[in-house]
């Protein structure tokens, strides 16, 4: 079991996807995302294996939830700076976690 203090260390924030690019070097089909987390955190990059469910053009402008305080992770030649959250279904079909109403970028999830 996770303690409350441990949970509080996980910094989940709302961000808006600004740019989506193909990631042909990835082992599994994925996109490279640029996400705006507001003035405090700025824009962070990540990759996400969400190509089964989402088209690039429908992701731009979408607000998502991501963990922003993990160490950066090298994925091939790409450096991931956050972890976008989603529910993982059968066959790795990922549905992104998002807000049901538009909110300010950078708001913390708690």
PDB file of N, CA and C in Angstrom:
ATOM      1  N   UNK A   1       0.834  -1.184   0.000  1.00  0.00           N
ATOM      2  CA  UNK A   1       0.000   0.000   0.000  1.00  0.00           C
ATOM      3  C   UNK A   1       0.881   1.251   0.000  1.00  0.00           C
ATOM      4  N   UNK A   2       0.417   2.243  -0.693  1.00  0.00           N
ATOM      5  CA  UNK A   2       1.085   3.535  -0.787  1.00  0.00           C
ATOM      6  C   UNK A   2       0.648   4.396   0.394  1.00  0.00           C
ATOM      7  N   UNK A   3       1.577   5.088   0.997  1.00  0.00           N
ATOM      8  CA  UNK A   3       1.188   6.009   2.071  1.00  0.00           C
ATOM      9  C   UNK A   3       0.711   7.318   1.450  1.00  0.00           C
ATOM     10  N   UNK A   4      -0.020   8.099   2.244  1.00  0.00           N
ATOM     11  CA  UNK A   4      -0.501   9.397   1.764  1.00  0.00           C
ATOM     12  C   UNK A   4       0.686  10.296   1.397  1.00  0.00           C
ATOM     13  N   UNK A   5       1.741  10.258   2.178  1.00  0.00           N
ATOM     14  CA  UNK A   5       2.920  11.078   1.905  1.00  0.00           C
ATOM     15  C   UNK A   5       3.565  10.686   0.574  1.00  0.00           C
ATOM     16  N   UNK A   6       3.592   9.395   0.278  1.00  0.00           N
ATOM     17  CA  UNK A   6       4.142   8.943  -0.999  1.00  0.00           C
ATOM     18  C   UNK A   6       3.265   9.422  -2.161  1.00  0.00           C
ATOM     19  N   UNK A   7       1.956   9.312  -2.010  1.00  0.00           N
ATOM     20  CA  UNK A   7       1.037   9.767  -3.056  1.00  0.00           C
ATOM     21  C   UNK A   7       1.207  11.254  -3.331  1.00  0.00           C
ATOM     22  N   UNK A   8       1.380  12.051  -2.277  1.00  0.00           N
ATOM     23  CA  UNK A   8       1.522  13.497  -2.443  1.00  0.00           C
ATOM     24  C   UNK A   8       2.762  13.880  -3.236  1.00  0.00           C
ATOM     25  N   UNK A   9       3.749  12.987  -3.319  1.00  0.00           N
ATOM     26  CA  UNK A   9       4.963  13.258  -4.088  1.00  0.00           C
ATOM     27  C   UNK A   9       4.726  13.154  -5.592  1.00  0.00           C
ATOM     28  N   UNK A  10       3.679  12.433  -5.996  1.00  0.00           N
ATOM     29  CA  UNK A  10       3.366  12.268  -7.415  1.00  0.00           C
ATOM     30  C   UNK A  10       2.650  13.526  -7.885  1.00  0.00           C
ATOM     31  N   UNK A  11       3.268  14.242  -8.796  1.00  0.00           N
ATOM     32  CA  UNK A  11       2.724  15.518  -9.262  1.00  0.00           C
ATOM     33  C   UNK A  11       2.032  15.331 -10.607  1.00  0.00           C
ATOM     34  N   UNK A  12       0.712  15.217 -10.551  1.00  0.00           N
ATOM     35  CA  UNK A  12      -0.098  15.074 -11.767  1.00  0.00           C
ATOM     36  C   UNK A  12      -0.677  16.446 -12.098  1.00  0.00           C
ATOM     37  N   UNK A  13      -0.548  16.840 -13.348  1.00  0.00           N
ATOM     38  CA  UNK A  13      -0.999  18.164 -13.783  1.00  0.00           C
ATOM     39  C   UNK A  13      -1.806  18.061 -15.079  1.00  0.00           C
ATOM     40  N   UNK A  14      -2.640  19.076 -15.302  1.00  0.00           N
ATOM     41  CA  UNK A  14      -3.405  19.201 -16.543  1.00  0.00           C
ATOM     42  C   UNK A  14      -2.560  19.980 -17.549  1.00  0.00           C
ATOM     43  N   UNK A  15      -2.540  19.495 -18.776  1.00  0.00           N
ATOM     44  CA  UNK A  15      -1.838  20.194 -19.848  1.00  0.00           C
ATOM     45  C   UNK A  15      -2.593  20.070 -21.150  1.00  0.00           C
ATOM     46  N   UNK A  16      -2.324  20.996 -22.069  1.00  0.00           N
ATOM     47  CA  UNK A  16      -2.962  20.985 -23.381  1.00  0.00           C
ATOM     48  C   UNK A  16      -1.945  20.563 -24.438  1.00  0.00           C
ATOM     49  N   UNK A  17      -2.322  19.586 -25.243  1.00  0.00           N
ATOM     50  CA  UNK A  17      -1.446  19.112 -26.317  1.00  0.00           C
ATOM     51  C   UNK A  17      -1.353  20.193 -27.387  1.00  0.00           C
ATOM     52  N   UNK A  18      -0.131  20.627 -27.669  1.00  0.00           N
ATOM     53  CA  UNK A  18       0.113  21.665 -28.672  1.00  0.00           C
ATOM     54  C   UNK A  18       0.502  21.091 -30.022  1.00  0.00           C
ATOM     55  N   UNK A  19       1.267  20.000 -29.996  1.00  0.00           N
ATOM     56  CA  UNK A  19       1.815  19.451 -31.233  1.00  0.00           C
ATOM     57  C   UNK A  19       1.903  17.942 -31.124  1.00  0.00           C
ATOM     58  N   UNK A  20       1.621  17.262 -32.219  1.00  0.00           N
ATOM     59  CA  UNK A  20       1.690  15.799 -32.287  1.00  0.00           C
ATOM     60  C   UNK A  20       2.468  15.422 -33.544  1.00  0.00           C
ATOM     61  N   UNK A  21       3.473  14.580 -33.354  1.00  0.00           N
ATOM     62  CA  UNK A  21       4.286  14.119 -34.487  1.00  0.00           C
ATOM     63  C   UNK A  21       4.402  12.605 -34.465  1.00  0.00           C
ATOM     64  N   UNK A  22       4.577  12.018 -35.639  1.00  0.00           N
ATOM     65  CA  UNK A  22       4.839  10.582 -35.715  1.00  0.00           C
ATOM     66  C   UNK A  22       6.159  10.284 -35.024  1.00  0.00           C
ATOM     67  N   UNK A  23       6.302   9.064 -34.546  1.00  0.00           N
ATOM     68  CA  UNK A  23       7.526   8.626 -33.872  1.00  0.00           C
ATOM     69  C   UNK A  23       7.955   7.295 -34.506  1.00  0.00           C
ATOM     70  N   UNK A  24       8.457   7.360 -35.752  1.00  0.00           N
ATOM     71  CA  UNK A  24       8.773   6.128 -36.481  1.00  0.00           C
ATOM     72  C   UNK A  24       9.882   5.287 -35.847  1.00  0.00           C
ATOM     73  N   UNK A  25      10.734   5.887 -35.020  1.00  0.00           N
ATOM     74  CA  UNK A  25      11.826   5.150 -34.384  1.00  0.00           C
ATOM     75  C   UNK A  25      11.359   4.332 -33.184  1.00  0.00           C
ATOM     76  N   UNK A  26      10.150   4.550 -32.697  1.00  0.00           N
ATOM     77  CA  UNK A  26       9.651   3.834 -31.518  1.00  0.00           C
ATOM     78  C   UNK A  26       9.460   2.354 -31.834  1.00  0.00           C
ATOM     79  N   UNK A  27       9.679   1.502 -30.837  1.00  0.00           N
ATOM     80  CA  UNK A  27       9.508   0.059 -31.027  1.00  0.00           C
ATOM     81  C   UNK A  27       8.046  -0.297 -31.286  1.00  0.00           C
ATOM     82  N   UNK A  28       7.140   0.360 -30.559  1.00  0.00           N
ATOM     83  CA  UNK A  28       5.701   0.171 -30.741  1.00  0.00           C
ATOM     84  C   UNK A  28       5.151   1.484 -31.293  1.00  0.00           C
ATOM     85  N   UNK A  29       4.092   1.423 -32.110  1.00  0.00           N
ATOM     86  CA  UNK A  29       3.546   2.662 -32.687  1.00  0.00           C
ATOM     87  C   UNK A  29       3.236   3.710 -31.616  1.00  0.00           C
ATOM     88  N   UNK A  30       3.741   4.927 -31.847  1.00  0.00           N
ATOM     89  CA  UNK A  30       3.591   5.990 -30.856  1.00  0.00           C
ATOM     90  C   UNK A  30       3.648   7.348 -31.538  1.00  0.00           C
ATOM     91  N   UNK A  31       3.197   8.353 -30.798  1.00  0.00           N
ATOM     92  CA  UNK A  31       3.327   9.748 -31.207  1.00  0.00           C
ATOM     93  C   UNK A  31       4.281  10.444 -30.256  1.00  0.00           C
ATOM     94  N   UNK A  32       4.908  11.502 -30.739  1.00  0.00           N
ATOM     95  CA  UNK A  32       5.639  12.439 -29.893  1.00  0.00           C
ATOM     96  C   UNK A  32       4.700  13.620 -29.648  1.00  0.00           C
ATOM     97  N   UNK A  33       4.542  14.001 -28.389  1.00  0.00           N
ATOM     98  CA  UNK A  33       3.636  15.080 -28.017  1.00  0.00           C
ATOM     99  C   UNK A  33       4.400  16.222 -27.376  1.00  0.00           C
ATOM    100  N   UNK A  34       3.945  17.448 -27.631  1.00  0.00           N
ATOM    101  CA  UNK A  34       4.386  18.618 -26.881  1.00  0.00           C
ATOM    102  C   UNK A  34       3.163  19.121 -26.132  1.00  0.00           C
ATOM    103  N   UNK A  35       3.309  19.262 -24.801  1.00  0.00           N
ATOM    104  CA  UNK A  35       2.171  19.590 -23.945  1.00  0.00           C
ATOM    105  C   UNK A  35       2.485  20.839 -23.141  1.00  0.00           C
ATOM    106  N   UNK A  36       1.544  21.787 -23.133  1.00  0.00           N
ATOM    107  CA  UNK A  36       1.684  23.041 -22.386  1.00  0.00           C
ATOM    108  C   UNK A  36       1.104  22.855 -20.990  1.00  0.00           C
ATOM    109  N   UNK A  37       1.954  22.977 -19.972  1.00  0.00           N
ATOM    110  CA  UNK A  37       1.546  22.855 -18.580  1.00  0.00           C
ATOM    111  C   UNK A  37       1.491  24.207 -17.870  1.00  0.00           C
ATOM    112  N   UNK A  38       1.368  25.286 -18.616  1.00  0.00           N
ATOM    113  CA  UNK A  38       1.215  26.602 -18.013  1.00  0.00           C
ATOM    114  C   UNK A  38       2.533  27.290 -17.717  1.00  0.00           C
ATOM    115  N   UNK A  39       2.423  28.476 -17.124  1.00  0.00           N
ATOM    116  CA  UNK A  39       3.592  29.338 -16.892  1.00  0.00           C
ATOM    117  C   UNK A  39       4.636  28.699 -15.991  1.00  0.00           C
ATOM    118  N   UNK A  40       4.199  28.014 -14.944  1.00  0.00           N
ATOM    119  CA  UNK A  40       5.132  27.465 -13.962  1.00  0.00           C
ATOM    120  C   UNK A  40       6.011  26.351 -14.553  1.00  0.00           C
ATOM    121  N   UNK A  41       5.413  25.448 -15.322  1.00  0.00           N
ATOM    122  CA  UNK A  41       6.137  24.288 -15.845  1.00  0.00           C
ATOM    123  C   UNK A  41       6.518  24.406 -17.311  1.00  0.00           C
ATOM    124  N   UNK A  42       5.775  25.203 -18.073  1.00  0.00           N
ATOM    125  CA  UNK A  42       6.075  25.382 -19.484  1.00  0.00           C
ATOM    126  C   UNK A  42       5.665  24.196 -20.333  1.00  0.00           C
ATOM    127  N   UNK A  43       6.355  24.018 -21.437  1.00  0.00           N
ATOM    128  CA  UNK A  43       6.044  22.966 -22.401  1.00  0.00           C
ATOM    129  C   UNK A  43       6.969  21.781 -22.161  1.00  0.00           C
ATOM    130  N   UNK A  44       6.377  20.591 -22.106  1.00  0.00           N
ATOM    131  CA  UNK A  44       7.138  19.355 -21.910  1.00  0.00           C
ATOM    132  C   UNK A  44       6.838  18.401 -23.057  1.00  0.00           C
ATOM    133  N   UNK A  45       7.828  17.557 -23.364  1.00  0.00           N
ATOM    134  CA  UNK A  45       7.704  16.559 -24.429  1.00  0.00           C
ATOM    135  C   UNK A  45       7.489  15.179 -23.821  1.00  0.00           C
ATOM    136  N   UNK A  46       6.765  14.351 -24.556  1.00  0.00           N
ATOM    137  CA  UNK A  46       6.615  12.958 -24.173  1.00  0.00           C
ATOM    138  C   UNK A  46       6.252  12.149 -25.405  1.00  0.00           C
ATOM    139  N   UNK A  47       6.302  10.854 -25.263  1.00  0.00           N
ATOM    140  CA  UNK A  47       5.784   9.987 -26.320  1.00  0.00           C
ATOM    141  C   UNK A  47       4.654   9.166 -25.714  1.00  0.00           C
ATOM    142  N   UNK A  48       3.726   8.749 -26.564  1.00  0.00           N
ATOM    143  CA  UNK A  48       2.576   7.991 -26.083  1.00  0.00           C
ATOM    144  C   UNK A  48       2.154   6.982 -27.140  1.00  0.00           C
ATOM    145  N   UNK A  49       1.888   5.770 -26.691  1.00  0.00           N
ATOM    146  CA  UNK A  49       1.445   4.698 -27.583  1.00  0.00           C
ATOM    147  C   UNK A  49      -0.082   4.757 -27.704  1.00  0.00           C
ATOM    148  N   UNK A  50      -0.560   5.790 -28.378  1.00  0.00           N
ATOM    149  CA  UNK A  50      -2.005   6.039 -28.465  1.00  0.00           C
ATOM    150  C   UNK A  50      -2.488   6.082 -29.911  1.00  0.00           C
ATOM    151  N   UNK A  51      -1.725   5.474 -30.808  1.00  0.00           N
ATOM    152  CA  UNK A  51      -2.044   5.552 -32.231  1.00  0.00           C
ATOM    153  C   UNK A  51      -3.258   4.704 -32.626  1.00  0.00           C
ATOM    154  N   UNK A  52      -3.619   3.701 -31.821  1.00  0.00           N
ATOM    155  CA  UNK A  52      -4.773   2.856 -32.145  1.00  0.00           C
ATOM    156  C   UNK A  52      -6.080   3.632 -32.055  1.00  0.00           C
ATOM    157  N   UNK A  53      -6.166   4.499 -31.068  1.00  0.00           N
ATOM    158  CA  UNK A  53      -7.433   5.161 -30.769  1.00  0.00           C
ATOM    159  C   UNK A  53      -7.490   6.607 -31.276  1.00  0.00           C
ATOM    160  N   UNK A  54      -6.346   7.284 -31.385  1.00  0.00           N
ATOM    161  CA  UNK A  54      -6.348   8.720 -31.675  1.00  0.00           C
ATOM    162  C   UNK A  54      -5.619   9.047 -32.967  1.00  0.00           C
ATOM    163  N   UNK A  55      -6.173   9.987 -33.704  1.00  0.00           N
ATOM    164  CA  UNK A  55      -5.503  10.567 -34.865  1.00  0.00           C
ATOM    165  C   UNK A  55      -4.785  11.833 -34.397  1.00  0.00           C
ATOM    166  N   UNK A  56      -3.686  12.154 -35.057  1.00  0.00           N
ATOM    167  CA  UNK A  56      -2.882  13.308 -34.642  1.00  0.00           C
ATOM    168  C   UNK A  56      -3.714  14.582 -34.557  1.00  0.00           C
ATOM    169  N   UNK A  57      -4.521  14.842 -35.585  1.00  0.00           N
ATOM    170  CA  UNK A  57      -5.262  16.102 -35.649  1.00  0.00           C
ATOM    171  C   UNK A  57      -6.323  16.230 -34.547  1.00  0.00           C
ATOM    172  N   UNK A  58      -6.837  15.121 -34.023  1.00  0.00           N
ATOM    173  CA  UNK A  58      -7.844  15.226 -32.965  1.00  0.00           C
ATOM    174  C   UNK A  58      -7.209  15.418 -31.587  1.00  0.00           C
ATOM    175  N   UNK A  59      -5.903  15.203 -31.482  1.00  0.00           N
ATOM    176  CA  UNK A  59      -5.220  15.373 -30.205  1.00  0.00           C
ATOM    177  C   UNK A  59      -4.827  16.824 -29.930  1.00  0.00           C
ATOM    178  N   UNK A  60      -4.541  17.579 -30.972  1.00  0.00           N
ATOM    179  CA  UNK A  60      -4.125  18.977 -30.785  1.00  0.00           C
ATOM    180  C   UNK A  60      -5.266  19.753 -30.131  1.00  0.00           C
ATOM    181  N   UNK A  61      -4.945  20.400 -29.010  1.00  0.00           N
ATOM    182  CA  UNK A  61      -5.937  21.165 -28.254  1.00  0.00           C
ATOM    183  C   UNK A  61      -6.597  20.377 -27.138  1.00  0.00           C
ATOM    184  N   UNK A  62      -6.367  19.064 -27.091  1.00  0.00           N
ATOM    185  CA  UNK A  62      -6.967  18.218 -26.054  1.00  0.00           C
ATOM    186  C   UNK A  62      -6.212  18.393 -24.740  1.00  0.00           C
ATOM    187  N   UNK A  63      -6.974  18.532 -23.652  1.00  0.00           N
ATOM    188  CA  UNK A  63      -6.349  18.576 -22.341  1.00  0.00           C
ATOM    189  C   UNK A  63      -6.201  17.162 -21.803  1.00  0.00           C
ATOM    190  N   UNK A  64      -5.028  16.879 -21.241  1.00  0.00           N
ATOM    191  CA  UNK A  64      -4.711  15.560 -20.710  1.00  0.00           C
ATOM    192  C   UNK A  64      -4.107  15.708 -19.315  1.00  0.00           C
ATOM    193  N   UNK A  65      -4.005  14.580 -18.630  1.00  0.00           N
ATOM    194  CA  UNK A  65      -3.393  14.521 -17.310  1.00  0.00           C
ATOM    195  C   UNK A  65      -2.054  13.802 -17.453  1.00  0.00           C
ATOM    196  N   UNK A  66      -1.015  14.343 -16.813  1.00  0.00           N
ATOM    197  CA  UNK A  66       0.309  13.723 -16.897  1.00  0.00           C
ATOM    198  C   UNK A  66       1.043  13.867 -15.572  1.00  0.00           C
ATOM    199  N   UNK A  67       1.928  12.919 -15.313  1.00  0.00           N
ATOM    200  CA  UNK A  67       2.856  13.015 -14.191  1.00  0.00           C
ATOM    201  C   UNK A  67       4.039  13.828 -14.697  1.00  0.00           C
ATOM    202  N   UNK A  68       4.358  14.918 -13.989  1.00  0.00           N
ATOM    203  CA  UNK A  68       5.387  15.832 -14.478  1.00  0.00           C
ATOM    204  C   UNK A  68       6.664  15.827 -13.643  1.00  0.00           C
ATOM    205  N   UNK A  69       6.726  14.998 -12.600  1.00  0.00           N
ATOM    206  CA  UNK A  69       7.930  15.018 -11.759  1.00  0.00           C
ATOM    207  C   UNK A  69       8.689  13.694 -11.735  1.00  0.00           C
ATOM    208  N   UNK A  70       8.564  12.909 -12.811  1.00  0.00           N
ATOM    209  CA  UNK A  70       9.456  11.772 -12.994  1.00  0.00           C
ATOM    210  C   UNK A  70      10.746  12.284 -13.627  1.00  0.00           C
ATOM    211  N   UNK A  71      11.861  11.572 -13.453  1.00  0.00           N
ATOM    212  CA  UNK A  71      13.077  11.960 -14.178  1.00  0.00           C
ATOM    213  C   UNK A  71      12.851  11.800 -15.681  1.00  0.00           C
ATOM    214  N   UNK A  72      13.542  12.594 -16.477  1.00  0.00           N
ATOM    215  CA  UNK A  72      13.463  12.459 -17.927  1.00  0.00           C
ATOM    216  C   UNK A  72      13.870  11.039 -18.314  1.00  0.00           C
ATOM    217  N   UNK A  73      13.284  10.530 -19.416  1.00  0.00           N
ATOM    218  CA  UNK A  73      13.571   9.170 -19.860  1.00  0.00           C
ATOM    219  C   UNK A  73      13.929   9.192 -21.341  1.00  0.00           C
ATOM    220  N   UNK A  74      15.085   8.619 -21.653  1.00  0.00           N
ATOM    221  CA  UNK A  74      15.530   8.524 -23.034  1.00  0.00           C
ATOM    222  C   UNK A  74      14.797   7.385 -23.721  1.00  0.00           C
ATOM    223  N   UNK A  75      14.124   7.700 -24.842  1.00  0.00           N
ATOM    224  CA  UNK A  75      13.432   6.692 -25.646  1.00  0.00           C
ATOM    225  C   UNK A  75      14.000   6.816 -27.058  1.00  0.00           C
ATOM    226  N   UNK A  76      14.968   5.979 -27.364  1.00  0.00           N
ATOM    227  CA  UNK A  76      15.683   6.115 -28.632  1.00  0.00           C
ATOM    228  C   UNK A  76      16.419   7.443 -28.644  1.00  0.00           C
ATOM    229  N   UNK A  77      16.201   8.245 -29.684  1.00  0.00           N
ATOM    230  CA  UNK A  77      16.831   9.568 -29.781  1.00  0.00           C
ATOM    231  C   UNK A  77      15.975  10.652 -29.140  1.00  0.00           C
ATOM    232  N   UNK A  78      14.854  10.264 -28.550  1.00  0.00           N
ATOM    233  CA  UNK A  78      13.874  11.208 -28.005  1.00  0.00           C
ATOM    234  C   UNK A  78      13.932  11.206 -26.482  1.00  0.00           C
ATOM    235  N   UNK A  79      13.869  12.411 -25.876  1.00  0.00           N
ATOM    236  CA  UNK A  79      13.877  12.531 -24.421  1.00  0.00           C
ATOM    237  C   UNK A  79      12.464  12.861 -23.941  1.00  0.00           C
ATOM    238  N   UNK A  80      11.880  11.945 -23.179  1.00  0.00           N
ATOM    239  CA  UNK A  80      10.543  12.146 -22.627  1.00  0.00           C
ATOM    240  C   UNK A  80      10.656  12.871 -21.290  1.00  0.00           C
ATOM    241  N   UNK A  81       9.837  13.924 -21.111  1.00  0.00           N
ATOM    242  CA  UNK A  81       9.924  14.771 -19.917  1.00  0.00           C
ATOM    243  C   UNK A  81       8.733  14.648 -18.981  1.00  0.00           C
ATOM    244  N   UNK A  82       7.730  13.857 -19.357  1.00  0.00           N
ATOM    245  CA  UNK A  82       6.566  13.641 -18.506  1.00  0.00           C
ATOM    246  C   UNK A  82       5.903  12.338 -18.931  1.00  0.00           C
ATOM    247  N   UNK A  83       4.903  11.896 -18.169  1.00  0.00           N
ATOM    248  CA  UNK A  83       4.198  10.656 -18.476  1.00  0.00           C
ATOM    249  C   UNK A  83       2.710  10.954 -18.580  1.00  0.00           C
ATOM    250  N   UNK A  84       2.164  10.857 -19.787  1.00  0.00           N
ATOM    251  CA  UNK A  84       0.742  11.051 -19.999  1.00  0.00           C
ATOM    252  C   UNK A  84       0.013   9.830 -19.446  1.00  0.00           C
ATOM    253  N   UNK A  85      -1.096  10.069 -18.743  1.00  0.00           N
ATOM    254  CA  UNK A  85      -1.829   8.980 -18.114  1.00  0.00           C
ATOM    255  C   UNK A  85      -3.027   8.547 -18.955  1.00  0.00           C
ATOM    256  N   UNK A  86      -3.295   7.259 -18.920  1.00  0.00           N
ATOM    257  CA  UNK A  86      -4.441   6.710 -19.632  1.00  0.00           C
ATOM    258  C   UNK A  86      -4.796   5.352 -19.079  1.00  0.00           C
ATOM    259  N   UNK A  87      -5.999   4.914 -19.368  1.00  0.00           N
ATOM    260  CA  UNK A  87      -6.406   3.569 -18.980  1.00  0.00           C
ATOM    261  C   UNK A  87      -5.975   2.620 -20.094  1.00  0.00           C
ATOM    262  N   UNK A  88      -5.460   1.467 -19.699  1.00  0.00           N
ATOM    263  CA  UNK A  88      -4.928   0.507 -20.661  1.00  0.00           C
ATOM    264  C   UNK A  88      -5.898  -0.658 -20.766  1.00  0.00           C
ATOM    265  N   UNK A  89      -6.495  -0.800 -21.950  1.00  0.00           N
ATOM    266  CA  UNK A  89      -7.437  -1.884 -22.190  1.00  0.00           C
ATOM    267  C   UNK A  89      -6.770  -3.048 -22.871  1.00  0.00           C
ATOM    268  N   UNK A  90      -7.584  -3.925 -23.429  1.00  0.00           N
ATOM    269  CA  UNK A  90      -7.056  -5.092 -24.120  1.00  0.00           C
ATOM    270  C   UNK A  90      -6.238  -4.654 -25.331  1.00  0.00           C
ATOM    271  N   UNK A  91      -5.248  -5.435 -25.644  1.00  0.00           N
ATOM    272  CA  UNK A  91      -4.356  -5.154 -26.775  1.00  0.00           C
ATOM    273  C   UNK A  91      -3.698  -3.785 -26.673  1.00  0.00           C
ATOM    274  N   UNK A  92      -3.434  -3.322 -25.446  1.00  0.00           N
ATOM    275  CA  UNK A  92      -2.750  -2.049 -25.203  1.00  0.00           C
ATOM    276  C   UNK A  92      -3.498  -0.861 -25.819  1.00  0.00           C
ATOM    277  N   UNK A  93      -4.820  -0.941 -25.847  1.00  0.00           N
ATOM    278  CA  UNK A  93      -5.665   0.145 -26.352  1.00  0.00           C
ATOM    279  C   UNK A  93      -5.808   1.181 -25.234  1.00  0.00           C
ATOM    280  N   UNK A  94      -5.125   2.308 -25.369  1.00  0.00           N
ATOM    281  CA  UNK A  94      -5.041   3.302 -24.298  1.00  0.00           C
ATOM    282  C   UNK A  94      -6.034   4.434 -24.534  1.00  0.00           C
ATOM    283  N   UNK A  95      -6.780   4.755 -23.482  1.00  0.00           N
ATOM    284  CA  UNK A  95      -7.692   5.898 -23.486  1.00  0.00           C
ATOM    285  C   UNK A  95      -7.098   6.938 -22.552  1.00  0.00           C
ATOM    286  N   UNK A  96      -6.804   8.114 -23.075  1.00  0.00           N
ATOM    287  CA  UNK A  96      -6.174   9.171 -22.283  1.00  0.00           C
ATOM    288  C   UNK A  96      -7.087   9.669 -21.169  1.00  0.00           C
ATOM    289  N   UNK A  97      -6.485   9.980 -20.024  1.00  0.00           N
ATOM    290  CA  UNK A  97      -7.219  10.651 -18.957  1.00  0.00           C
ATOM    291  C   UNK A  97      -7.255  12.134 -19.282  1.00  0.00           C
ATOM    292  N   UNK A  98      -8.429  12.728 -19.179  1.00  0.00           N
ATOM    293  CA  UNK A  98      -8.564  14.139 -19.527  1.00  0.00           C
ATOM    294  C   UNK A  98      -9.618  14.783 -18.639  1.00  0.00           C
ATOM    295  N   UNK A  99      -9.772  16.068 -18.784  1.00  0.00           N
ATOM    296  CA  UNK A  99     -10.785  16.797 -18.033  1.00  0.00           C
ATOM    297  C   UNK A  99     -12.079  16.814 -18.830  1.00  0.00           C
ATOM    298  N   UNK A 100     -13.216  16.894 -18.138  1.00  0.00           N
ATOM    299  CA  UNK A 100     -14.471  16.976 -18.882  1.00  0.00           C
ATOM    300  C   UNK A 100     -14.832  18.419 -19.203  1.00  0.00           C
ATOM    301  N   UNK A 101     -14.189  19.367 -18.521  1.00  0.00           N
ATOM    302  CA  UNK A 101     -14.324  20.794 -18.812  1.00  0.00           C
ATOM    303  C   UNK A 101     -12.932  21.374 -18.995  1.00  0.00           C
ATOM    304  N   UNK A 102     -12.817  22.403 -19.819  1.00  0.00           N
ATOM    305  CA  UNK A 102     -11.515  23.057 -20.020  1.00  0.00           C
ATOM    306  C   UNK A 102     -11.126  23.785 -18.740  1.00  0.00           C
ATOM    307  N   UNK A 103      -9.898  23.557 -18.304  1.00  0.00           N
ATOM    308  CA  UNK A 103      -9.361  24.207 -17.103  1.00  0.00           C
ATOM    309  C   UNK A 103      -8.008  24.828 -17.431  1.00  0.00           C
ATOM    310  N   UNK A 104      -7.471  25.565 -16.488  1.00  0.00           N
ATOM    311  CA  UNK A 104      -6.184  26.219 -16.667  1.00  0.00           C
ATOM    312  C   UNK A 104      -5.061  25.181 -16.741  1.00  0.00           C
ATOM    313  N   UNK A 105      -4.178  25.344 -17.721  1.00  0.00           N
ATOM    314  CA  UNK A 105      -3.020  24.454 -17.819  1.00  0.00           C
ATOM    315  C   UNK A 105      -2.175  24.569 -16.562  1.00  0.00           C
ATOM    316  N   UNK A 106      -1.679  23.421 -16.115  1.00  0.00           N
ATOM    317  CA  UNK A 106      -0.806  23.377 -14.947  1.00  0.00           C
ATOM    318  C   UNK A 106      -1.519  23.074 -13.642  1.00  0.00           C
ATOM    319  N   UNK A 107      -2.864  23.054 -13.648  1.00  0.00           N
ATOM    320  CA  UNK A 107      -3.564  22.745 -12.407  1.00  0.00           C
ATOM    321  C   UNK A 107      -3.180  21.365 -11.929  1.00  0.00           C
ATOM    322  N   UNK A 108      -2.988  21.251 -10.625  1.00  0.00           N
ATOM    323  CA  UNK A 108      -2.563  19.980 -10.026  1.00  0.00           C
ATOM    324  C   UNK A 108      -3.762  19.094  -9.766  1.00  0.00           C
ATOM    325  N   UNK A 109      -3.570  17.802  -9.996  1.00  0.00           N
ATOM    326  CA  UNK A 109      -4.584  16.793  -9.681  1.00  0.00           C
ATOM    327  C   UNK A 109      -4.276  16.291  -8.282  1.00  0.00           C
ATOM    328  N   UNK A 110      -5.287  16.211  -7.465  1.00  0.00           N
ATOM    329  CA  UNK A 110      -5.041  15.763  -6.087  1.00  0.00           C
ATOM    330  C   UNK A 110      -6.190  15.052  -5.507  1.00  0.00           C
TER     331      UNK A 110
END
